[in-house]
């Protein structure tokens, strides 16, 4: 599971290699919580497992701020 190395965040941001044929997205983890976030054609939650709403908003902001890094990491996986 390739990770996106984003400094100073409390979450783990990853891609599943078998998901690369889906619309571009990342999986975000912390403890036993996980969410899937679409990053292609806008940033939006695909699904959420146990993150509180306030934290989802923080996750969406973090993804927006780091979208270039996330997309660069994704492109490296495809190369």
Protein backbone atom coordinates (compact mmCIF):
# COMPACT_ATOMS: atom_id res chain seq x y z
CA UNK A 1 0.00 0.00 0.00
CA UNK A 2 1.97 3.06 -1.23
CA UNK A 3 1.90 6.02 1.15
CA UNK A 4 1.91 9.72 0.47
CA UNK A 5 4.52 11.27 2.75
CA UNK A 6 2.87 14.42 4.08
CA UNK A 7 4.72 15.90 7.07
CA UNK A 8 3.04 17.02 10.29
CA UNK A 9 -0.35 15.34 9.93
CA UNK A 10 -1.98 12.82 12.29
CA UNK A 11 -3.24 10.61 9.43
CA UNK A 12 -1.75 8.03 7.10
CA UNK A 13 -2.61 8.74 3.46
CA UNK A 14 -2.31 5.79 1.07
CA UNK A 15 -3.27 4.32 -2.27
CA UNK A 16 -4.26 0.70 -2.78
CA UNK A 17 -2.43 -0.61 -5.83
CA UNK A 18 -5.48 -2.64 -6.93
CA UNK A 19 -7.64 0.53 -6.83
CA UNK A 20 -5.69 2.38 -9.52
CA UNK A 21 -8.34 1.69 -12.19
CA UNK A 22 -11.00 3.53 -10.16
CA UNK A 23 -11.52 7.27 -10.14
CA UNK A 24 -8.43 8.79 -8.50
CA UNK A 25 -8.68 8.68 -4.70
CA UNK A 26 -6.77 8.18 -1.46
CA UNK A 27 -7.48 6.24 1.70
CA UNK A 28 -6.93 8.08 4.98
CA UNK A 29 -6.30 6.19 8.23
CA UNK A 30 -5.93 6.95 11.91
CA UNK A 31 -6.16 4.31 14.59
CA UNK A 32 -9.13 2.11 13.53
CA UNK A 33 -10.77 4.80 11.41
CA UNK A 34 -10.63 4.99 7.63
CA UNK A 35 -12.16 7.05 4.86
CA UNK A 36 -11.90 7.08 1.09
CA UNK A 37 -11.62 10.48 -0.57
CA UNK A 38 -12.09 11.15 -4.27
CA UNK A 39 -9.45 13.57 -5.57
CA UNK A 40 -10.41 13.59 -9.24
CA UNK A 41 -13.17 15.94 -10.46
CA UNK A 42 -13.26 17.60 -7.05
CA UNK A 43 -12.40 16.53 -3.53
CA UNK A 44 -15.17 14.63 -1.76
CA UNK A 45 -15.73 11.78 0.66
CA UNK A 46 -16.53 8.47 -1.05
CA UNK A 47 -17.17 6.77 2.28
CA UNK A 48 -16.24 7.18 5.95
CA UNK A 49 -15.70 4.60 8.65
CA UNK A 50 -15.78 6.19 12.12
CA UNK A 51 -14.10 9.57 11.56
CA UNK A 52 -16.12 12.34 13.27
CA UNK A 53 -17.46 15.03 10.94
CA UNK A 54 -15.12 17.73 12.28
CA UNK A 55 -12.13 15.52 11.50
CA UNK A 56 -13.47 14.81 8.00
CA UNK A 57 -13.46 18.55 7.37
CA UNK A 58 -9.82 18.71 8.51
CA UNK A 59 -8.94 15.77 6.25
CA UNK A 60 -10.55 17.44 3.25
CA UNK A 61 -8.60 20.65 3.93
CA UNK A 62 -5.35 18.68 4.31
CA UNK A 63 -5.94 16.93 1.00
CA UNK A 64 -6.72 20.20 -0.75
CA UNK A 65 -3.52 21.77 0.62
CA UNK A 66 -1.42 18.76 -0.45
CA UNK A 67 -3.17 17.86 -3.68
CA UNK A 68 -0.09 18.49 -5.86
CA UNK A 69 2.03 16.15 -3.71
CA UNK A 70 -0.72 13.51 -3.73
CA UNK A 71 -1.08 13.68 -7.51
CA UNK A 72 2.71 13.55 -8.02
CA UNK A 73 2.88 10.44 -5.84
CA UNK A 74 0.01 8.87 -7.77
CA UNK A 75 1.69 9.59 -11.11
CA UNK A 76 4.92 7.95 -9.87
CA UNK A 77 2.93 4.78 -9.16
CA UNK A 78 1.72 4.68 -12.74
CA UNK A 79 5.18 5.21 -14.24
